[in-house]
Amino acid sequence: MSPILVRPVREQLEHDRIIRLLQSKWKRKYEAGMNPGNEQNAPVGTAPTALFPDVVLTSPDRGHRLQGVIEVETGESVNHLEALSQWAHFGKLRAPFHLYVPGGMVDVARRLCEENQIFVNEIWSYHTVGDQIRFTLVHRNREAAPSTPRVRQAQAAPPPRRKPAARAAKAAARKAPKKPARAQKRK
């Protein structure tokens, strides 16, 4: 659950409206599940560590591979606690992470991402014009997401490689019939 326990009603309605708009926009290309309000319809991951971003994009084929996650914030929810509790986890996923913030909070969102080393593929701003909501791309990260280092099970150094000639000589020595020790000394 978000560190913002209760959003103001007006902001929550705007938040859920934007989620529905984004879900309808992306459902042409992906299967888009959404988690408006406190609903937990579309998880990322499994039970104890499952994440619930606002919009979850999966491939339409049988595998339903994760293709991206979208998090929508309001003026109240662009803060340090939100960045650490949600954005940091979404930024570590192997799928693209898109963050949507109000137009006046873009600089704050960028600063929070930089200070906390949160990898965001795109940051979008939104603002309302009458009944319409307009989206503007304000940041696109062209770099690949930093991969998390995998821990090797065995950290021991591999045995030194032998030269091919040495291997061939050893193999030939093994195959050659052994002569008695006395016979070798007489020659």
N, C-alpha and C. Protein backbone atom coordinates (compact mmCIF):
# COMPACT_ATOMS: atom_id res chain seq x y z
N MET A 1 0.84 -1.18 0.00
CA MET A 1 0.00 0.00 0.00
C MET A 1 0.88 1.24 0.00
N SER A 2 0.39 2.27 -0.58
CA SER A 2 1.11 3.53 -0.70
C SER A 2 1.28 4.19 0.67
N PRO A 3 2.41 4.91 0.86
CA PRO A 3 2.58 5.65 2.11
C PRO A 3 1.52 6.73 2.29
N ILE A 4 0.90 7.16 1.21
CA ILE A 4 -0.19 8.12 1.33
C ILE A 4 -1.42 7.30 1.65
N LEU A 5 -1.81 7.28 2.91
CA LEU A 5 -2.90 6.41 3.32
C LEU A 5 -4.23 6.88 2.75
N VAL A 6 -4.48 8.18 2.76
CA VAL A 6 -5.73 8.70 2.24
C VAL A 6 -5.43 9.91 1.37
N ARG A 7 -5.72 9.77 0.08
CA ARG A 7 -5.58 10.92 -0.83
C ARG A 7 -6.84 11.76 -0.70
N PRO A 8 -6.73 13.04 -0.92
CA PRO A 8 -7.95 13.85 -0.97
C PRO A 8 -8.87 13.32 -2.07
N VAL A 9 -10.16 13.36 -1.85
CA VAL A 9 -11.14 12.75 -2.76
C VAL A 9 -10.98 13.26 -4.18
N ARG A 10 -10.83 14.57 -4.33
CA ARG A 10 -10.70 15.14 -5.67
C ARG A 10 -9.48 14.59 -6.40
N GLU A 11 -8.35 14.49 -5.68
CA GLU A 11 -7.14 13.95 -6.29
C GLU A 11 -7.29 12.47 -6.61
N GLN A 12 -7.98 11.72 -5.75
CA GLN A 12 -8.19 10.29 -6.01
C GLN A 12 -9.05 10.10 -7.26
N LEU A 13 -10.05 10.92 -7.45
CA LEU A 13 -10.89 10.81 -8.64
C LEU A 13 -10.08 11.14 -9.90
N GLU A 14 -9.25 12.17 -9.82
CA GLU A 14 -8.40 12.53 -10.95
C GLU A 14 -7.39 11.41 -11.24
N HIS A 15 -6.81 10.85 -10.20
CA HIS A 15 -5.85 9.75 -10.31
C HIS A 15 -6.49 8.55 -11.03
N ASP A 16 -7.67 8.14 -10.58
CA ASP A 16 -8.34 6.99 -11.19
C ASP A 16 -8.78 7.28 -12.62
N ARG A 17 -9.15 8.51 -12.90
CA ARG A 17 -9.53 8.89 -14.27
C ARG A 17 -8.33 8.77 -15.22
N ILE A 18 -7.17 9.21 -14.76
CA ILE A 18 -5.96 9.12 -15.58
C ILE A 18 -5.58 7.66 -15.80
N ILE A 19 -5.71 6.83 -14.77
CA ILE A 19 -5.42 5.41 -14.92
C ILE A 19 -6.32 4.79 -15.99
N ARG A 20 -7.59 5.11 -15.96
CA ARG A 20 -8.52 4.56 -16.96
C ARG A 20 -8.17 5.05 -18.37
N LEU A 21 -7.77 6.32 -18.50
CA LEU A 21 -7.36 6.83 -19.81
C LEU A 21 -6.12 6.10 -20.33
N LEU A 22 -5.14 5.90 -19.46
CA LEU A 22 -3.92 5.21 -19.87
C LEU A 22 -4.19 3.74 -20.20
N GLN A 23 -5.06 3.12 -19.44
CA GLN A 23 -5.40 1.73 -19.73
C GLN A 23 -6.06 1.61 -21.10
N SER A 24 -6.97 2.51 -21.42
CA SER A 24 -7.63 2.45 -22.74
C SER A 24 -6.64 2.80 -23.86
N LYS A 25 -5.68 3.67 -23.58
CA LYS A 25 -4.67 4.03 -24.58
C LYS A 25 -3.76 2.84 -24.90
N TRP A 26 -3.31 2.13 -23.88
CA TRP A 26 -2.33 1.05 -24.05
C TRP A 26 -2.96 -0.29 -24.41
N LYS A 27 -4.29 -0.46 -24.21
CA LYS A 27 -4.88 -1.78 -24.45
C LYS A 27 -4.93 -2.13 -25.93
N ARG A 28 -4.66 -1.17 -26.82
CA ARG A 28 -4.58 -1.47 -28.25
C ARG A 28 -3.35 -2.31 -28.56
N LYS A 29 -2.27 -2.06 -27.82
CA LYS A 29 -1.00 -2.73 -28.09
C LYS A 29 -0.72 -3.87 -27.11
N TYR A 30 -1.17 -3.75 -25.88
CA TYR A 30 -0.89 -4.73 -24.82
C TYR A 30 -2.19 -5.11 -24.12
N GLU A 31 -2.09 -6.13 -23.28
CA GLU A 31 -3.16 -6.39 -22.33
C GLU A 31 -2.84 -5.51 -21.14
N ALA A 32 -3.73 -4.59 -20.84
CA ALA A 32 -3.46 -3.60 -19.80
C ALA A 32 -4.39 -3.82 -18.62
N GLY A 33 -3.81 -4.21 -17.50
CA GLY A 33 -4.57 -4.34 -16.26
C GLY A 33 -4.36 -3.10 -15.42
N MET A 34 -5.35 -2.76 -14.62
CA MET A 34 -5.21 -1.55 -13.82
C MET A 34 -5.59 -1.81 -12.37
N ASN A 35 -5.01 -0.99 -11.50
CA ASN A 35 -5.23 -1.06 -10.07
C ASN A 35 -5.65 0.31 -9.55
N PRO A 36 -6.88 0.75 -9.85
CA PRO A 36 -7.29 2.07 -9.36
C PRO A 36 -7.60 2.04 -7.86
N GLY A 37 -7.37 3.15 -7.21
CA GLY A 37 -7.68 3.26 -5.79
C GLY A 37 -6.95 2.21 -4.97
N ASN A 38 -7.68 1.50 -4.13
CA ASN A 38 -7.09 0.45 -3.29
C ASN A 38 -7.26 -0.94 -3.90
N GLU A 39 -7.75 -1.02 -5.13
CA GLU A 39 -7.95 -2.33 -5.77
C GLU A 39 -6.61 -2.96 -6.10
N GLN A 40 -6.59 -4.28 -6.06
CA GLN A 40 -5.39 -5.04 -6.40
C GLN A 40 -5.77 -6.10 -7.43
N ASN A 41 -6.02 -5.65 -8.66
CA ASN A 41 -6.48 -6.53 -9.74
C ASN A 41 -5.35 -7.13 -10.54
N ALA A 42 -4.31 -6.37 -10.80
CA ALA A 42 -3.24 -6.79 -11.70
C ALA A 42 -1.89 -6.74 -10.97
N PRO A 43 -1.44 -7.88 -10.42
CA PRO A 43 -0.16 -7.88 -9.70
C PRO A 43 1.03 -8.04 -10.63
N VAL A 44 2.18 -7.64 -10.15
CA VAL A 44 3.45 -7.92 -10.80
C VAL A 44 4.23 -8.76 -9.79
N GLY A 45 4.49 -10.00 -10.12
CA GLY A 45 5.16 -10.90 -9.20
C GLY A 45 4.15 -11.81 -8.52
N THR A 46 4.63 -12.49 -7.47
CA THR A 46 3.78 -13.43 -6.76
C THR A 46 3.54 -12.99 -5.32
N ALA A 47 2.68 -13.70 -4.67
CA ALA A 47 2.06 -13.36 -3.39
C ALA A 47 2.85 -12.50 -2.40
N PRO A 48 3.85 -12.99 -1.71
CA PRO A 48 4.36 -12.14 -0.62
C PRO A 48 5.06 -10.87 -1.10
N THR A 49 5.64 -10.89 -2.29
CA THR A 49 6.37 -9.71 -2.77
C THR A 49 5.70 -9.07 -3.98
N ALA A 50 4.43 -9.34 -4.19
CA ALA A 50 3.74 -8.79 -5.36
C ALA A 50 3.66 -7.27 -5.28
N LEU A 51 3.82 -6.64 -6.43
CA LEU A 51 3.70 -5.19 -6.55
C LEU A 51 2.41 -4.89 -7.31
N PHE A 52 1.81 -3.74 -7.02
CA PHE A 52 0.58 -3.36 -7.68
C PHE A 52 0.69 -1.95 -8.24
N PRO A 53 1.37 -1.80 -9.40
CA PRO A 53 1.42 -0.47 -10.02
C PRO A 53 0.05 -0.10 -10.56
N ASP A 54 -0.12 1.15 -10.93
CA ASP A 54 -1.43 1.60 -11.40
C ASP A 54 -1.86 0.91 -12.69
N VAL A 55 -0.95 0.75 -13.64
CA VAL A 55 -1.26 0.05 -14.89
C VAL A 55 -0.14 -0.97 -15.15
N VAL A 56 -0.55 -2.20 -15.48
CA VAL A 56 0.39 -3.27 -15.78
C VAL A 56 0.19 -3.68 -17.24
N LEU A 57 1.26 -3.60 -18.02
CA LEU A 57 1.19 -3.93 -19.44
C LEU A 57 1.83 -5.31 -19.66
N THR A 58 1.08 -6.24 -20.24
CA THR A 58 1.60 -7.57 -20.54
C THR A 58 1.39 -7.86 -22.02
N SER A 59 2.18 -8.81 -22.53
CA SER A 59 2.06 -9.16 -23.95
C SER A 59 0.75 -9.93 -24.17
N PRO A 60 0.14 -9.76 -25.33
CA PRO A 60 -1.14 -10.43 -25.59
C PRO A 60 -0.99 -11.92 -25.92
N ASP A 61 0.21 -12.41 -26.14
CA ASP A 61 0.38 -13.83 -26.48
C ASP A 61 0.21 -14.70 -25.24
N ARG A 62 0.39 -16.00 -25.42
CA ARG A 62 0.12 -16.95 -24.33
C ARG A 62 1.00 -16.73 -23.11
N GLY A 63 2.22 -16.26 -23.29
CA GLY A 63 3.13 -16.11 -22.16
C GLY A 63 2.76 -14.99 -21.21
N HIS A 64 2.05 -13.99 -21.68
CA HIS A 64 1.67 -12.82 -20.87
C HIS A 64 2.88 -12.23 -20.15
N ARG A 65 3.98 -12.07 -20.90
CA ARG A 65 5.19 -11.50 -20.31
C ARG A 65 4.98 -10.03 -19.97
N LEU A 66 5.59 -9.60 -18.90
CA LEU A 66 5.50 -8.21 -18.47
C LEU A 66 6.21 -7.32 -19.48
N GLN A 67 5.52 -6.31 -19.99
CA GLN A 67 6.07 -5.40 -20.98
C GLN A 67 6.31 -4.00 -20.42
N GLY A 68 5.69 -3.68 -19.30
CA GLY A 68 5.88 -2.36 -18.72
C GLY A 68 4.95 -2.12 -17.55
N VAL A 69 5.33 -1.15 -16.72
CA VAL A 69 4.48 -0.73 -15.61
C VAL A 69 4.36 0.79 -15.64
N ILE A 70 3.20 1.27 -15.24
CA ILE A 70 2.93 2.71 -15.22
C ILE A 70 2.46 3.08 -13.83
N GLU A 71 3.03 4.14 -13.29
CA GLU A 71 2.62 4.66 -11.99
C GLU A 71 2.17 6.11 -12.19
N VAL A 72 0.99 6.41 -11.71
CA VAL A 72 0.42 7.76 -11.81
C VAL A 72 0.45 8.39 -10.42
N GLU A 73 0.98 9.58 -10.34
CA GLU A 73 1.04 10.29 -9.06
C GLU A 73 0.24 11.59 -9.15
N THR A 74 -0.18 12.05 -8.00
CA THR A 74 -0.87 13.34 -7.91
C THR A 74 0.06 14.30 -7.16
N GLY A 75 -0.37 15.52 -7.00
CA GLY A 75 0.46 16.52 -6.32
C GLY A 75 0.87 16.09 -4.92
N GLU A 76 -0.02 15.43 -4.20
CA GLU A 76 0.26 14.98 -2.83
C GLU A 76 1.21 13.79 -2.79
N SER A 77 1.23 12.98 -3.85
CA SER A 77 1.98 11.72 -3.78
C SER A 77 3.36 11.77 -4.41
N VAL A 78 3.80 12.92 -4.90
CA VAL A 78 5.18 13.04 -5.38
C VAL A 78 6.02 13.46 -4.19
N ASN A 79 6.55 12.45 -3.48
CA ASN A 79 7.33 12.73 -2.28
C ASN A 79 8.37 11.63 -2.07
N HIS A 80 9.23 11.84 -1.10
CA HIS A 80 10.34 10.93 -0.82
C HIS A 80 9.84 9.53 -0.43
N LEU A 81 8.83 9.46 0.43
CA LEU A 81 8.31 8.16 0.87
C LEU A 81 7.75 7.35 -0.30
N GLU A 82 7.02 8.01 -1.16
CA GLU A 82 6.43 7.33 -2.33
C GLU A 82 7.55 6.83 -3.25
N ALA A 83 8.57 7.65 -3.44
CA ALA A 83 9.68 7.27 -4.31
C ALA A 83 10.37 6.02 -3.78
N LEU A 84 10.63 5.96 -2.49
CA LEU A 84 11.33 4.81 -1.94
C LEU A 84 10.45 3.58 -1.82
N SER A 85 9.17 3.76 -1.50
CA SER A 85 8.32 2.59 -1.28
C SER A 85 7.79 1.99 -2.57
N GLN A 86 7.64 2.78 -3.64
CA GLN A 86 7.07 2.25 -4.87
C GLN A 86 8.01 2.41 -6.06
N TRP A 87 8.42 3.62 -6.36
CA TRP A 87 9.19 3.86 -7.57
C TRP A 87 10.48 3.04 -7.60
N ALA A 88 11.13 2.93 -6.45
CA ALA A 88 12.40 2.18 -6.40
C ALA A 88 12.19 0.72 -6.81
N HIS A 89 11.08 0.13 -6.38
CA HIS A 89 10.79 -1.26 -6.73
C HIS A 89 10.43 -1.40 -8.21
N PHE A 90 9.65 -0.45 -8.73
CA PHE A 90 9.26 -0.51 -10.14
C PHE A 90 10.48 -0.27 -11.04
N GLY A 91 11.41 0.56 -10.60
CA GLY A 91 12.60 0.83 -11.38
C GLY A 91 13.54 -0.36 -11.49
N LYS A 92 13.43 -1.32 -10.56
CA LYS A 92 14.29 -2.51 -10.57
C LYS A 92 13.73 -3.63 -11.43
N LEU A 93 12.49 -3.49 -11.89
CA LEU A 93 11.90 -4.52 -12.74
C LEU A 93 12.60 -4.53 -14.09
N ARG A 94 12.55 -5.65 -14.78
CA ARG A 94 13.18 -5.75 -16.10
C ARG A 94 12.33 -5.11 -17.19
N ALA A 95 11.14 -4.72 -16.87
CA ALA A 95 10.24 -4.07 -17.83
C ALA A 95 10.35 -2.56 -17.68
N PRO A 96 10.03 -1.81 -18.74
CA PRO A 96 10.08 -0.35 -18.66
C PRO A 96 9.14 0.20 -17.58
N PHE A 97 9.61 1.25 -16.91
CA PHE A 97 8.83 1.92 -15.86
C PHE A 97 8.53 3.33 -16.33
N HIS A 98 7.23 3.67 -16.43
CA HIS A 98 6.78 4.99 -16.86
C HIS A 98 6.11 5.68 -15.68
N LEU A 99 6.51 6.90 -15.43
CA LEU A 99 5.98 7.67 -14.31
C LEU A 99 5.22 8.87 -14.85
N TYR A 100 3.98 9.05 -14.39
CA TYR A 100 3.14 10.18 -14.79
C TYR A 100 2.92 11.06 -13.57
N VAL A 101 3.28 12.34 -13.70
CA VAL A 101 3.18 13.29 -12.59
C VAL A 101 2.49 14.57 -13.08
N PRO A 102 1.91 15.34 -12.17
CA PRO A 102 1.33 16.63 -12.58
C PRO A 102 2.41 17.56 -13.13
N GLY A 103 2.03 18.45 -14.02
CA GLY A 103 2.98 19.35 -14.67
C GLY A 103 3.88 20.12 -13.72
N GLY A 104 3.37 20.55 -12.59
CA GLY A 104 4.16 21.32 -11.64
C GLY A 104 5.09 20.50 -10.78
N MET A 105 5.03 19.18 -10.88
CA MET A 105 5.84 18.32 -10.03
C MET A 105 6.94 17.58 -10.78
N VAL A 106 7.18 17.94 -12.03
CA VAL A 106 8.18 17.24 -12.86
C VAL A 106 9.57 17.37 -12.27
N ASP A 107 9.97 18.57 -11.89
CA ASP A 107 11.31 18.78 -11.33
C ASP A 107 11.50 18.02 -10.02
N VAL A 108 10.47 17.99 -9.20
CA VAL A 108 10.54 17.26 -7.93
C VAL A 108 10.71 15.77 -8.21
N ALA A 109 9.95 15.22 -9.17
CA ALA A 109 10.03 13.80 -9.50
C ALA A 109 11.42 13.45 -10.05
N ARG A 110 11.95 14.31 -10.92
CA ARG A 110 13.30 14.07 -11.45
C ARG A 110 14.35 14.06 -10.34
N ARG A 111 14.25 15.04 -9.46
CA ARG A 111 15.21 15.14 -8.36
C ARG A 111 15.14 13.91 -7.46
N LEU A 112 13.92 13.46 -7.14
CA LEU A 112 13.76 12.27 -6.30
C LEU A 112 14.35 11.03 -6.97
N CYS A 113 14.16 10.92 -8.27
CA CYS A 113 14.72 9.77 -9.00
C CYS A 113 16.24 9.81 -9.02
N GLU A 114 16.81 10.99 -9.22
CA GLU A 114 18.27 11.11 -9.25
C GLU A 114 18.89 10.87 -7.88
N GLU A 115 18.31 11.46 -6.85
CA GLU A 115 18.86 11.32 -5.50
C GLU A 115 18.81 9.88 -4.99
N ASN A 116 17.79 9.14 -5.39
CA ASN A 116 17.61 7.78 -4.89
C ASN A 116 18.01 6.71 -5.90
N GLN A 117 18.67 7.11 -6.99
CA GLN A 117 19.11 6.21 -8.06
C GLN A 117 17.97 5.30 -8.53
N ILE A 118 16.83 5.90 -8.83
CA ILE A 118 15.68 5.16 -9.33
C ILE A 118 15.68 5.27 -10.85
N PHE A 119 15.69 4.14 -11.51
CA PHE A 119 15.73 4.12 -12.98
C PHE A 119 14.30 4.21 -13.52
N VAL A 120 14.02 5.29 -14.24
CA VAL A 120 12.72 5.51 -14.86
C VAL A 120 12.95 5.63 -16.36
N ASN A 121 12.22 4.83 -17.14
CA ASN A 121 12.37 4.89 -18.59
C ASN A 121 11.79 6.19 -19.15
N GLU A 122 10.60 6.56 -18.69
CA GLU A 122 9.98 7.80 -19.16
C GLU A 122 9.25 8.48 -18.01
N ILE A 123 9.34 9.81 -18.02
CA ILE A 123 8.54 10.61 -17.10
C ILE A 123 7.63 11.47 -17.97
N TRP A 124 6.35 11.39 -17.71
CA TRP A 124 5.34 12.16 -18.43
C TRP A 124 4.69 13.13 -17.46
N SER A 125 4.36 14.32 -17.98
CA SER A 125 3.58 15.25 -17.17
C SER A 125 2.16 15.25 -17.73
N TYR A 126 1.23 15.61 -16.89
CA TYR A 126 -0.15 15.73 -17.36
C TYR A 126 -0.76 17.00 -16.79
N HIS A 127 -1.69 17.55 -17.53
CA HIS A 127 -2.46 18.69 -17.05
C HIS A 127 -3.84 18.64 -17.68
N THR A 128 -4.77 19.27 -17.02
CA THR A 128 -6.16 19.26 -17.46
C THR A 128 -6.48 20.53 -18.21
N VAL A 129 -7.11 20.36 -19.38
CA VAL A 129 -7.61 21.49 -20.16
C VAL A 129 -9.10 21.24 -20.36
N GLY A 130 -9.91 21.92 -19.59
CA GLY A 130 -11.34 21.66 -19.63
C GLY A 130 -11.62 20.26 -19.11
N ASP A 131 -12.26 19.44 -19.95
CA ASP A 131 -12.53 18.06 -19.57
C ASP A 131 -11.45 17.10 -20.05
N GLN A 132 -10.50 17.59 -20.83
CA GLN A 132 -9.47 16.73 -21.40
C GLN A 132 -8.21 16.75 -20.54
N ILE A 133 -7.52 15.61 -20.57
CA ILE A 133 -6.23 15.52 -19.89
C ILE A 133 -5.18 15.37 -20.98
N ARG A 134 -4.17 16.22 -20.92
CA ARG A 134 -3.09 16.21 -21.92
C ARG A 134 -1.81 15.68 -21.29
N PHE A 135 -1.12 14.83 -22.05
CA PHE A 135 0.12 14.23 -21.58
C PHE A 135 1.29 14.77 -22.40
N THR A 136 2.41 15.02 -21.72
CA THR A 136 3.61 15.52 -22.39
C THR A 136 4.81 14.72 -21.89
N LEU A 137 5.58 14.17 -22.83
CA LEU A 137 6.79 13.45 -22.46
C LEU A 137 7.85 14.48 -22.07
N VAL A 138 8.38 14.38 -20.84
CA VAL A 138 9.37 15.35 -20.38
C VAL A 138 10.75 14.73 -20.15
N HIS A 139 10.82 13.39 -20.09
CA HIS A 139 12.11 12.73 -19.88
C HIS A 139 12.05 11.32 -20.46
N ARG A 140 13.06 10.99 -21.27
CA ARG A 140 13.18 9.61 -21.78
C ARG A 140 14.60 9.17 -21.54
N ASN A 141 14.76 8.05 -20.90
CA ASN A 141 16.08 7.50 -20.62
C ASN A 141 16.43 6.52 -21.72
N ARG A 142 17.45 6.82 -22.49
CA ARG A 142 17.83 5.98 -23.61
C ARG A 142 18.77 4.85 -23.21
N GLU A 143 19.27 4.90 -22.00
CA GLU A 143 20.17 3.85 -21.51
C GLU A 143 19.36 2.62 -21.11
N ALA A 144 20.01 1.49 -21.13
CA ALA A 144 19.37 0.27 -20.65
C ALA A 144 19.33 0.31 -19.13
N ALA A 145 18.35 -0.35 -18.57
CA ALA A 145 18.23 -0.40 -17.12
C ALA A 145 19.44 -1.10 -16.54
N PRO A 146 19.96 -0.59 -15.43
CA PRO A 146 21.11 -1.27 -14.83
C PRO A 146 20.69 -2.64 -14.33
N SER A 147 21.45 -3.65 -14.71
CA SER A 147 21.09 -5.01 -14.31
C SER A 147 21.60 -5.26 -12.90
N THR A 148 20.84 -6.06 -12.18
CA THR A 148 21.26 -6.42 -10.84
C THR A 148 22.28 -7.54 -10.95
N PRO A 149 23.40 -7.44 -10.25
CA PRO A 149 24.43 -8.47 -10.38
C PRO A 149 23.95 -9.79 -9.82
N ARG A 150 24.21 -10.83 -10.55
CA ARG A 150 23.83 -12.18 -10.10
C ARG A 150 24.98 -12.75 -9.27
N VAL A 151 24.66 -13.39 -8.19
CA VAL A 151 25.67 -13.97 -7.32
C VAL A 151 26.04 -15.35 -7.85
N ARG A 152 27.33 -15.56 -8.03
CA ARG A 152 27.78 -16.88 -8.48
C ARG A 152 27.78 -17.83 -7.30
N GLN A 153 27.45 -19.07 -7.58
CA GLN A 153 27.42 -20.06 -6.50
C GLN A 153 28.83 -20.42 -6.08
N ALA A 154 29.72 -20.64 -7.02
CA ALA A 154 31.10 -20.99 -6.69
C ALA A 154 32.01 -19.86 -7.12
N GLN A 155 32.69 -19.26 -6.20
CA GLN A 155 33.56 -18.13 -6.50
C GLN A 155 35.01 -18.58 -6.72
N ALA A 156 35.28 -19.89 -6.70
CA ALA A 156 36.65 -20.40 -6.87
C ALA A 156 37.15 -20.12 -8.27
N ALA A 157 38.46 -19.92 -8.38
CA ALA A 157 39.06 -19.65 -9.69
C ALA A 157 39.07 -20.94 -10.51
N PRO A 158 38.83 -20.84 -11.81
CA PRO A 158 38.85 -22.04 -12.64
C PRO A 158 40.28 -22.58 -12.75
N PRO A 159 40.43 -23.91 -12.98
CA PRO A 159 41.78 -24.47 -13.10
C PRO A 159 42.49 -23.88 -14.31
N PRO A 160 43.82 -23.78 -14.25
CA PRO A 160 44.53 -23.19 -15.39
C PRO A 160 44.39 -24.08 -16.63
N ARG A 161 44.30 -23.43 -17.77
CA ARG A 161 44.15 -24.16 -19.03
C ARG A 161 45.50 -24.72 -19.46
N ARG A 162 45.47 -25.94 -19.97
CA ARG A 162 46.69 -26.56 -20.47
C ARG A 162 46.81 -26.29 -21.95
N LYS A 163 48.01 -26.27 -22.39
CA LYS A 163 48.24 -26.05 -23.81
C LYS A 163 47.83 -27.30 -24.59
N PRO A 164 47.32 -27.18 -25.80
CA PRO A 164 46.90 -28.35 -26.58
C PRO A 164 48.03 -29.34 -26.80
N ALA A 165 49.27 -28.89 -27.02
CA ALA A 165 50.39 -29.80 -27.25
C ALA A 165 50.67 -30.63 -26.01
N ALA A 166 50.59 -30.02 -24.85
CA ALA A 166 50.82 -30.74 -23.60
C ALA A 166 49.75 -31.80 -23.40
N ARG A 167 48.50 -31.47 -23.75
CA ARG A 167 47.42 -32.44 -23.63
C ARG A 167 47.65 -33.63 -24.55
N ALA A 168 48.05 -33.35 -25.79
CA ALA A 168 48.28 -34.43 -26.76
C ALA A 168 49.43 -35.32 -26.29
N ALA A 169 50.49 -34.76 -25.76
CA ALA A 169 51.63 -35.55 -25.29
C ALA A 169 51.23 -36.44 -24.12
N LYS A 170 50.41 -35.89 -23.20
CA LYS A 170 49.95 -36.69 -22.07
C LYS A 170 49.07 -37.83 -22.53
N ALA A 171 48.20 -37.57 -23.49
CA ALA A 171 47.31 -38.62 -24.00
C ALA A 171 48.12 -39.71 -24.68
N ALA A 172 49.13 -39.33 -25.43
CA ALA A 172 49.99 -40.32 -26.12
C ALA A 172 50.76 -41.15 -25.10
N ALA A 173 51.22 -40.53 -24.04
CA ALA A 173 51.96 -41.25 -23.00
C ALA A 173 51.07 -42.27 -22.31
N ARG A 174 49.82 -41.93 -22.11
CA ARG A 174 48.89 -42.86 -21.47
C ARG A 174 48.61 -44.07 -22.34
N LYS A 175 48.54 -43.86 -23.66
CA LYS A 175 48.21 -44.93 -24.59
C LYS A 175 49.39 -45.83 -24.89
N ALA A 176 50.60 -45.35 -24.77
CA ALA A 176 51.80 -46.15 -25.09
C ALA A 176 51.96 -47.26 -24.07
N PRO A 177 52.37 -48.47 -24.54
CA PRO A 177 52.56 -49.58 -23.60
C PRO A 177 53.74 -49.29 -22.69
N LYS A 178 53.58 -49.63 -21.45
CA LYS A 178 54.64 -49.37 -20.47
C LYS A 178 55.65 -50.51 -20.52
N LYS A 179 56.92 -50.16 -20.52
CA LYS A 179 58.02 -51.13 -20.52
C LYS A 179 58.45 -51.34 -19.09
N PRO A 180 58.97 -52.49 -18.79
CA PRO A 180 59.46 -52.69 -17.43
C PRO A 180 60.58 -51.70 -17.10
N ALA A 181 60.74 -51.40 -15.88
CA ALA A 181 61.70 -50.41 -15.43
C ALA A 181 63.12 -50.79 -15.83
N ARG A 182 63.52 -52.10 -15.80
CA ARG A 182 64.87 -52.53 -16.15
C ARG A 182 65.15 -52.30 -17.61
N ALA A 183 64.15 -52.50 -18.44
CA ALA A 183 64.37 -52.36 -19.88
C ALA A 183 64.65 -50.90 -20.24
N GLN A 184 64.06 -49.99 -19.53
CA GLN A 184 64.31 -48.57 -19.82
C GLN A 184 65.73 -48.17 -19.44
N LYS A 185 66.30 -48.76 -18.39
CA LYS A 185 67.63 -48.40 -17.94
C LYS A 185 68.71 -48.94 -18.87
N ARG A 186 68.52 -50.07 -19.55
CA ARG A 186 69.52 -50.67 -20.42
C ARG A 186 69.74 -49.87 -21.69
N LYS A 187 68.79 -49.18 -22.14
CA LYS A 187 68.93 -48.44 -23.39
C LYS A 187 69.82 -47.32 -23.23
